[in-house]
């Protein structure tokens, strides 16, 4: 099976606001109280598409149909309330008047309008002109997406954008070989996850080197790299998190179809909590399930401390960058939404390649200290309930810094 390893990137275009990215397997943006920023789903989320071609071989009509189908992948999750609607072509603003966002000046005008909360554009960069002008590697980054504007008081995402690199669909072998249409579309199902407020997830990370059919089935659409076009189909983890952020009501909604495993990760002292450790819950495999290893297919994840602000101020400047909450009760805390079943939970380090725009767990990668303890479980998950106290104590970590600090 062909393996394509191309970075997915979540580049936020938010202005300097009191908000931060979780980078944590779950929500992309967190409020200062640790809750996620989400879209208002009282009405479908309106987006607008470019009125130019995606590439030399994909015209506007074909690109538009594919974009609609990509958004439908998320909209079709029955336990989620999220939905989308195409409102037309990108509206003219400033120097952008011809309908086709084709250079940096036009992009800046449209992106500025997005940052003002006026429209949510899906931009086709036919020749990677915009990528190159922005200093983004046009030979390895297929696209980027994220919210443009938020309402901090209401906790709402107001607008968002996505930019597609047409070089990967231009029918040419240079400067980069084309992806298949299925691989390219899987990329933007991922990017529309960012647009919707989801971040990267690390599950079945062995797929970076070797990946079984069952591993692929559990590999998230929101994994940091494109491994297979199967990522165009949402995994258990993707469906669980979009449903947790946007729960549908009633008998098919989140509370009727999912429960949550909650716990903390501690240093060896058993007192101080460890941040940025990836936590993975795997369904206990039923050997009678037609040869399928459910421990690889039915999997969820989260990063410890994802709701807590990673970077704090100090007594000199009393400043914080606003990455999540400052509530100490959230340090080291993880939460994993899952469909009902019995799960084993394990901890691991975030992979060394998941940094910068491909981050899982934080804007920088901090390897898990010490050694992982044995998995815990089985933990029974039932719909509408939360299983708490599922804590890990890492083995052989260094002493806490605060043991050596003065008063």
Protein backbone atom coordinates (compact mmCIF):
# COMPACT_ATOMS: atom_id res chain seq x y z
CA UNK A 1 0.00 0.00 0.00
CA UNK A 2 1.28 3.44 -0.89
CA UNK A 3 2.43 5.56 2.03
CA UNK A 4 2.35 9.34 1.75
CA UNK A 5 3.91 11.30 4.58
CA UNK A 6 3.02 14.93 4.15
CA UNK A 7 2.49 17.36 7.01
CA UNK A 8 -0.91 18.57 7.96
CA UNK A 9 -0.63 22.10 9.32
CA UNK A 10 -2.87 24.11 11.60
CA UNK A 11 -1.85 27.71 11.07
CA UNK A 12 -4.07 30.09 13.00
CA UNK A 13 -4.69 33.53 11.63
CA UNK A 14 -6.24 34.95 14.77
CA UNK A 15 -5.14 38.40 15.85
CA UNK A 16 -3.54 38.89 19.26
CA UNK A 17 -6.43 37.99 21.55
CA UNK A 18 -6.66 36.40 25.01
CA UNK A 19 -6.89 32.92 23.56
CA UNK A 20 -4.54 30.04 22.98
CA UNK A 21 -4.34 26.83 21.06
CA UNK A 22 -4.61 23.57 22.92
CA UNK A 23 -2.50 21.60 20.41
CA UNK A 24 -3.80 18.66 22.32
CA UNK A 25 -5.95 16.09 20.64
CA UNK A 26 -9.38 17.66 21.04
CA UNK A 27 -10.23 21.37 20.87
CA UNK A 28 -8.01 23.74 18.91
CA UNK A 29 -8.77 26.93 20.86
CA UNK A 30 -9.34 27.38 24.59
CA UNK A 31 -10.88 30.18 26.60
CA UNK A 32 -9.26 31.50 29.77
CA UNK A 33 -11.61 29.27 31.80
CA UNK A 34 -10.33 26.16 30.00
CA UNK A 35 -13.43 25.56 27.88
CA UNK A 36 -13.15 25.36 24.08
CA UNK A 37 -14.11 28.00 21.57
CA UNK A 38 -16.79 26.58 19.27
CA UNK A 39 -19.00 27.74 16.43
CA UNK A 40 -22.62 28.67 17.08
CA UNK A 41 -24.55 25.75 15.58
CA UNK A 42 -28.01 27.32 15.86
CA UNK A 43 -27.66 27.76 12.09
CA UNK A 44 -25.30 26.05 9.60
CA UNK A 45 -21.77 27.49 9.48
CA UNK A 46 -21.56 29.59 6.32
CA UNK A 47 -18.41 29.49 4.18
CA UNK A 48 -17.54 30.93 0.75
CA UNK A 49 -15.44 29.35 -2.00
CA UNK A 50 -12.91 30.81 -4.43
CA UNK A 51 -14.19 31.61 -7.93
CA UNK A 52 -11.02 30.40 -9.60
CA UNK A 53 -9.63 26.96 -10.39
CA UNK A 54 -8.02 24.79 -7.75
CA UNK A 55 -5.28 23.87 -10.23
CA UNK A 56 -4.48 23.51 -13.91
CA UNK A 57 -6.46 20.27 -13.94
CA UNK A 58 -9.27 20.95 -11.43
CA UNK A 59 -11.70 23.69 -12.40
CA UNK A 60 -13.85 25.76 -10.05
CA UNK A 61 -16.97 23.62 -10.38
CA UNK A 62 -15.14 20.40 -9.60
CA UNK A 63 -13.32 22.02 -6.67
CA UNK A 64 -16.58 23.39 -5.28
CA UNK A 65 -18.25 19.97 -5.39
CA UNK A 66 -15.30 18.40 -3.61
CA UNK A 67 -15.28 21.06 -0.88
CA UNK A 68 -18.98 20.49 -0.20
CA UNK A 69 -18.37 16.74 0.06
CA UNK A 70 -15.46 17.30 2.48
CA UNK A 71 -17.59 19.39 4.83
CA UNK A 72 -20.30 16.73 4.58
CA UNK A 73 -17.93 14.20 6.17
CA UNK A 74 -18.10 16.17 9.43
CA UNK A 75 -21.74 17.14 9.05
CA UNK A 76 -22.77 13.49 8.68
CA UNK A 77 -21.65 12.54 12.22
CA UNK A 78 -25.05 11.76 13.73
CA UNK A 79 -23.98 12.36 17.34
CA UNK A 80 -22.84 15.91 16.47
CA UNK A 81 -24.93 19.02 15.81
CA UNK A 82 -22.43 20.72 13.49
CA UNK A 83 -23.52 21.60 9.95
CA UNK A 84 -22.28 23.81 7.11
CA UNK A 85 -23.60 25.72 4.13
CA UNK A 86 -21.91 27.26 1.11
CA UNK A 87 -22.99 30.93 1.02
CA UNK A 88 -21.58 31.63 -2.46
CA UNK A 89 -18.26 32.88 -3.77
CA UNK A 90 -15.75 34.86 -1.70
CA UNK A 91 -16.93 38.44 -1.46
CA UNK A 92 -14.83 41.27 -2.87
CA UNK A 93 -12.97 43.41 -0.39
CA UNK A 94 -10.22 46.03 -0.87
CA UNK A 95 -8.03 45.17 -3.84
CA UNK A 96 -9.73 41.78 -4.23
CA UNK A 97 -12.34 42.31 -6.93
CA UNK A 98 -11.98 39.56 -9.55
CA UNK A 99 -13.34 36.58 -7.58
CA UNK A 100 -10.12 34.54 -7.82
CA UNK A 101 -7.73 34.89 -4.85
CA UNK A 102 -4.48 34.53 -6.79
CA UNK A 103 -1.75 36.58 -5.10
CA UNK A 104 -0.56 37.74 -1.69
CA UNK A 105 -2.24 41.14 -1.88
CA UNK A 106 -5.62 39.59 -2.61
CA UNK A 107 -5.07 36.97 0.08
CA UNK A 108 -4.24 39.66 2.64
CA UNK A 109 -7.40 41.56 1.76
CA UNK A 110 -9.59 38.48 2.08
CA UNK A 111 -7.82 37.21 5.19
CA UNK A 112 -8.24 40.64 6.77
CA UNK A 113 -11.97 40.46 6.09
CA UNK A 114 -12.01 37.01 7.66
CA UNK A 115 -10.14 38.35 10.70
CA UNK A 116 -12.82 41.03 10.98
CA UNK A 117 -15.39 38.23 11.18
CA UNK A 118 -17.11 39.16 7.91
CA UNK A 119 -16.70 35.96 5.87
CA UNK A 120 -15.14 32.49 5.97
CA UNK A 121 -13.20 31.91 2.73
CA UNK A 122 -12.00 28.63 1.22
CA UNK A 123 -9.12 29.71 -1.03
CA UNK A 124 -7.61 27.80 -3.97
CA UNK A 125 -3.91 28.62 -4.44
CA UNK A 126 -3.58 27.36 -8.00
CA UNK A 127 0.21 27.71 -8.38
CA UNK A 128 1.19 27.94 -4.69
CA UNK A 129 1.83 31.66 -5.19
CA UNK A 130 0.34 32.47 -1.79
CA UNK A 131 2.20 29.65 0.00
CA UNK A 132 5.51 30.84 -1.42
CA UNK A 133 4.82 34.49 -0.57
CA UNK A 134 3.94 33.50 3.01
CA UNK A 135 7.18 31.55 3.36
CA UNK A 136 5.40 28.19 3.69
CA UNK A 137 7.11 25.19 2.08
CA UNK A 138 4.93 24.62 -0.96
CA UNK A 139 6.49 21.20 -1.61
CA UNK A 140 5.49 19.63 1.73
CA UNK A 141 2.46 21.55 3.03
CA UNK A 142 -0.79 20.67 1.28
CA UNK A 143 -2.86 23.29 3.03
CA UNK A 144 -3.70 25.11 6.22
CA UNK A 145 -6.84 26.18 7.99
CA UNK A 146 -8.20 27.54 11.23
CA UNK A 147 -10.41 30.16 12.82
CA UNK A 148 -9.90 33.79 11.81
CA UNK A 149 -11.95 35.60 14.42
CA UNK A 150 -13.49 34.80 17.79
CA UNK A 151 -15.85 36.36 20.28
CA UNK A 152 -14.00 35.96 23.61
CA UNK A 153 -16.98 36.91 25.73
CA UNK A 154 -19.34 34.43 24.11
CA UNK A 155 -16.67 31.75 23.59
CA UNK A 156 -17.56 31.50 19.90
CA UNK A 157 -15.60 31.12 16.68
CA UNK A 158 -16.93 33.81 14.35
CA UNK A 159 -15.10 33.07 11.09
CA UNK A 160 -12.50 30.75 9.64
CA UNK A 161 -10.56 30.04 6.48
CA UNK A 162 -8.71 27.32 4.58
CA UNK A 163 -6.11 27.56 1.82
CA UNK A 164 -5.52 24.71 -0.65
CA UNK A 165 -2.18 24.17 -2.41
CA UNK A 166 -3.04 23.43 -6.06
CA UNK A 167 0.43 22.07 -6.86
CA UNK A 168 -0.68 18.75 -5.38
CA UNK A 169 -3.51 18.49 -7.94
CA UNK A 170 -2.07 20.08 -11.09
CA UNK A 171 -1.38 16.92 -13.10
CA UNK A 172 2.38 17.57 -13.05
CA UNK A 173 5.21 15.56 -11.49
CA UNK A 174 7.18 18.70 -10.59
CA UNK A 175 7.80 20.54 -8.36
CA UNK A 176 5.84 17.99 -6.34
CA UNK A 177 4.12 14.77 -7.44
CA UNK A 178 0.35 14.92 -7.34
CA UNK A 179 -1.60 13.30 -4.57
CA UNK A 180 -4.53 11.21 -5.66
CA UNK A 181 -7.86 13.01 -5.46
CA UNK A 182 -8.75 10.83 -2.44
CA UNK A 183 -5.51 11.74 -0.64
CA UNK A 184 -5.94 15.45 -1.33
CA UNK A 185 -9.54 15.38 -0.18
CA UNK A 186 -8.56 13.48 2.98
CA UNK A 187 -6.14 16.33 3.67
CA UNK A 188 -8.89 18.89 3.56
CA UNK A 189 -11.34 16.85 5.56
CA UNK A 190 -8.54 17.19 8.14
CA UNK A 191 -8.18 20.93 7.53
CA UNK A 192 -11.92 21.43 7.83
CA UNK A 193 -11.58 19.73 11.21
CA UNK A 194 -9.27 22.62 12.18
CA UNK A 195 -11.75 25.06 10.65
CA UNK A 196 -14.37 23.49 12.93
CA UNK A 197 -12.22 23.89 16.05
CA UNK A 198 -10.44 20.53 16.31
CA UNK A 199 -6.72 19.99 16.81
CA UNK A 200 -4.30 17.15 16.07
CA UNK A 201 -4.53 13.71 17.69
CA UNK A 202 -1.85 11.04 18.19
CA UNK A 203 -3.19 7.49 17.87
CA UNK A 204 -1.50 4.44 16.30
CA UNK A 205 1.65 6.48 15.83
CA UNK A 206 3.38 3.33 14.57
CA UNK A 207 1.70 4.15 11.24
CA UNK A 208 4.61 6.50 10.56
CA UNK A 209 6.68 3.37 9.88
CA UNK A 210 4.36 0.34 9.64
CA UNK A 211 0.58 0.24 9.65
CA UNK A 212 -1.90 -2.64 9.56
CA UNK A 213 -5.41 -2.43 8.15
CA UNK A 214 -6.75 -2.22 11.70
CA UNK A 215 -4.23 0.52 12.56
CA UNK A 216 -5.46 2.52 9.57
CA UNK A 217 -9.06 2.12 10.68
CA UNK A 218 -8.21 3.71 14.03
CA UNK A 219 -5.84 6.35 12.61
CA UNK A 220 -7.50 9.74 13.10
CA UNK A 221 -8.33 12.13 10.31
CA UNK A 222 -6.81 14.65 12.76
CA UNK A 223 -3.46 12.79 12.89
CA UNK A 224 -0.60 15.22 12.16
CA UNK A 225 0.51 13.55 8.92
CA UNK A 226 -1.23 12.20 5.85
CA UNK A 227 -0.52 8.47 5.83
CA UNK A 228 -3.38 7.12 3.73
CA UNK A 229 -6.46 8.28 1.87
CA UNK A 230 -8.43 6.26 4.43
CA UNK A 231 -8.02 9.31 6.68
CA UNK A 232 -10.79 10.88 4.64
CA UNK A 233 -13.11 8.64 6.70
CA UNK A 234 -13.47 9.76 10.32
CA UNK A 235 -12.12 7.53 13.07
CA UNK A 236 -13.76 6.81 16.42
CA UNK A 237 -11.62 9.57 17.95
CA UNK A 238 -12.62 12.15 15.33
CA UNK A 239 -16.32 11.41 15.76
CA UNK A 240 -16.08 11.46 19.54
CA UNK A 241 -14.36 14.86 19.71
CA UNK A 242 -16.54 16.63 17.12
CA UNK A 243 -19.54 15.29 19.05
CA UNK A 244 -18.15 16.42 22.41
CA UNK A 245 -17.62 19.94 21.06
CA UNK A 246 -20.97 20.00 19.24
CA UNK A 247 -23.25 17.47 20.96
CA UNK A 248 -26.46 16.54 19.19
CA UNK A 249 -29.49 16.13 21.44
CA UNK A 250 -31.71 13.11 21.84
CA UNK A 251 -31.22 9.42 21.31
CA UNK A 252 -28.44 9.74 18.73
CA UNK A 253 -26.58 12.58 20.48
CA UNK A 254 -23.34 12.60 22.42
CA UNK A 255 -24.81 11.78 25.82
CA UNK A 256 -26.71 8.83 24.37
CA UNK A 257 -23.73 7.42 22.46
CA UNK A 258 -20.57 8.36 24.39
CA UNK A 259 -19.05 8.39 27.84
CA UNK A 260 -15.77 9.89 29.05
CA UNK A 261 -12.64 8.58 30.79
CA UNK A 262 -10.97 11.19 33.02
CA UNK A 263 -7.75 11.10 35.02
CA UNK A 264 -4.43 12.75 35.70
CA UNK A 265 -0.78 12.02 34.97
CA UNK A 266 1.67 12.46 37.87
CA UNK A 267 5.42 12.54 38.28
CA UNK A 268 6.93 9.73 40.37
CA UNK A 269 6.29 11.68 43.59
CA UNK A 270 2.57 11.10 43.03
CA UNK A 271 1.85 14.75 43.86
CA UNK A 272 2.92 17.01 40.99
CA UNK A 273 1.06 16.56 37.72
CA UNK A 274 2.81 16.00 34.39
CA UNK A 275 1.84 18.07 31.36
CA UNK A 276 1.94 17.15 27.66
CA UNK A 277 1.80 13.35 28.03
CA UNK A 278 -0.28 11.62 25.36
CA UNK A 279 -2.96 9.36 26.84
CA UNK A 280 -4.60 6.67 24.68
CA UNK A 281 -7.64 4.51 25.47
CA UNK A 282 -8.06 1.26 23.51
CA UNK A 283 -11.14 -0.94 23.43
CA UNK A 284 -10.50 -4.37 24.94
CA UNK A 285 -10.40 -6.62 21.92
CA UNK A 286 -13.12 -9.19 21.47
CA UNK A 287 -11.39 -12.16 19.77
CA UNK A 288 -14.70 -13.11 18.19
CA UNK A 289 -15.01 -9.89 16.19
CA UNK A 290 -14.41 -11.35 12.73
CA UNK A 291 -10.63 -11.08 12.90
CA UNK A 292 -10.67 -7.34 13.69
CA UNK A 293 -8.37 -6.09 16.45
CA UNK A 294 -10.65 -3.56 18.15
CA UNK A 295 -7.79 -2.34 20.33
CA UNK A 296 -6.40 -0.78 17.15
CA UNK A 297 -9.66 0.33 15.52
CA UNK A 298 -11.64 1.70 18.48
CA UNK A 299 -9.31 4.19 20.13
CA UNK A 300 -9.48 7.65 21.69
CA UNK A 301 -6.85 10.09 22.96
CA UNK A 302 -6.06 13.33 24.74
CA UNK A 303 -2.97 15.09 26.10
CA UNK A 304 -2.55 15.62 29.84
CA UNK A 305 -3.16 19.18 30.94
CA UNK A 306 -4.70 20.20 27.62
CA UNK A 307 -7.06 22.70 29.29
CA UNK A 308 -4.39 24.30 31.50
CA UNK A 309 -2.30 27.31 30.42
CA UNK A 310 1.13 26.01 29.56
CA UNK A 311 2.95 29.32 29.85
CA UNK A 312 2.52 31.62 32.81
CA UNK A 313 3.60 35.06 33.77
CA UNK A 314 6.11 35.78 36.50
CA UNK A 315 6.38 38.24 39.40
CA UNK A 316 8.20 40.74 37.15
CA UNK A 317 5.73 41.17 34.31
CA UNK A 318 2.67 39.25 35.59
CA UNK A 319 1.96 38.29 31.98
CA UNK A 320 0.51 35.15 30.46
CA UNK A 321 0.02 34.26 26.83
CA UNK A 322 -3.51 33.04 27.51
CA UNK A 323 -3.03 29.39 26.57
CA UNK A 324 -6.04 27.98 28.36
CA UNK A 325 -6.95 28.25 32.01
CA UNK A 326 -4.81 29.19 34.97
CA UNK A 327 -6.83 26.87 37.25
CA UNK A 328 -4.28 24.53 38.92
CA UNK A 329 -6.91 21.78 39.19
CA UNK A 330 -6.54 21.31 35.42
CA UNK A 331 -2.79 20.57 35.51
CA UNK A 332 -2.11 17.08 34.17
CA UNK A 333 -5.80 16.41 33.56
CA UNK A 334 -6.90 14.34 30.56
CA UNK A 335 -10.40 13.61 29.22
CA UNK A 336 -11.15 11.04 26.51
CA UNK A 337 -14.65 10.78 24.97
CA UNK A 338 -15.49 7.26 23.78
CA UNK A 339 -18.36 5.03 22.70
CA UNK A 340 -19.46 2.46 25.31
CA UNK A 341 -17.20 -0.50 26.05
CA UNK A 342 -14.31 -1.68 28.17
CA UNK A 343 -11.03 0.14 27.59
CA UNK A 344 -7.38 -0.16 28.57
CA UNK A 345 -5.63 3.21 28.94
CA UNK A 346 -1.92 3.84 28.34
CA UNK A 347 0.47 6.80 28.27
CA UNK A 348 3.21 7.66 25.81
CA UNK A 349 5.41 10.53 24.69
CA UNK A 350 4.30 12.80 21.88
CA UNK A 351 6.22 11.80 18.74
CA UNK A 352 9.37 13.81 18.07
CA UNK A 353 8.20 14.92 14.61
CA UNK A 354 4.97 16.47 15.90
CA UNK A 355 6.14 20.05 16.34
CA UNK A 356 5.28 23.57 15.16
CA UNK A 357 2.20 23.56 12.90
CA UNK A 358 1.97 19.78 13.21
CA UNK A 359 2.07 19.83 17.00
CA UNK A 360 0.30 17.46 19.35
CA UNK A 361 0.28 18.64 22.94
CA UNK A 362 1.84 22.08 22.68
CA UNK A 363 3.66 24.58 20.47
CA UNK A 364 6.84 22.85 21.57
CA UNK A 365 7.34 19.15 22.20
CA UNK A 366 8.31 18.04 25.71
CA UNK A 367 9.15 14.31 25.86
CA UNK A 368 7.35 12.33 28.54
CA UNK A 369 9.58 12.24 31.64
CA UNK A 370 10.56 8.89 33.10
CA UNK A 371 9.03 5.60 31.97
CA UNK A 372 5.42 4.78 31.24
CA UNK A 373 3.67 2.64 33.87
CA UNK A 374 1.57 -0.35 32.87
CA UNK A 375 -1.77 0.39 31.19
CA UNK A 376 -4.73 0.68 33.55
CA UNK A 377 -8.12 -0.99 33.13
CA UNK A 378 -10.29 -2.39 31.91
CA UNK A 379 -12.38 0.73 32.48
CA UNK A 380 -16.06 0.42 31.66
CA UNK A 381 -17.45 3.32 29.65
CA UNK A 382 -21.21 3.75 29.52
CA UNK A 383 -23.18 6.36 27.60
CA UNK A 384 -23.78 9.62 29.41
CA UNK A 385 -21.35 8.93 32.27
CA UNK A 386 -17.87 10.05 33.30
CA UNK A 387 -15.35 7.60 34.77
CA UNK A 388 -12.98 9.57 37.01
CA UNK A 389 -9.82 8.80 39.00
CA UNK A 390 -8.00 6.95 36.21
CA UNK A 391 -4.59 8.30 37.18
CA UNK A 392 -1.06 7.43 36.06
CA UNK A 393 2.18 7.82 38.03
CA UNK A 394 5.25 7.93 35.80
CA UNK A 395 8.25 5.81 36.80
CA UNK A 396 11.74 7.15 37.52
CA UNK A 397 11.20 10.85 36.92
CA UNK A 398 13.44 13.56 38.30
CA UNK A 399 12.40 15.28 41.57
CA UNK A 400 10.04 18.21 41.32
CA UNK A 401 11.66 21.60 40.79
CA UNK A 402 9.66 23.10 43.63
CA UNK A 403 11.46 20.87 46.13
CA UNK A 404 14.50 23.07 45.57
CA UNK A 405 12.87 26.47 45.26
CA UNK A 406 13.10 29.09 47.97
CA UNK A 407 10.09 30.70 49.61
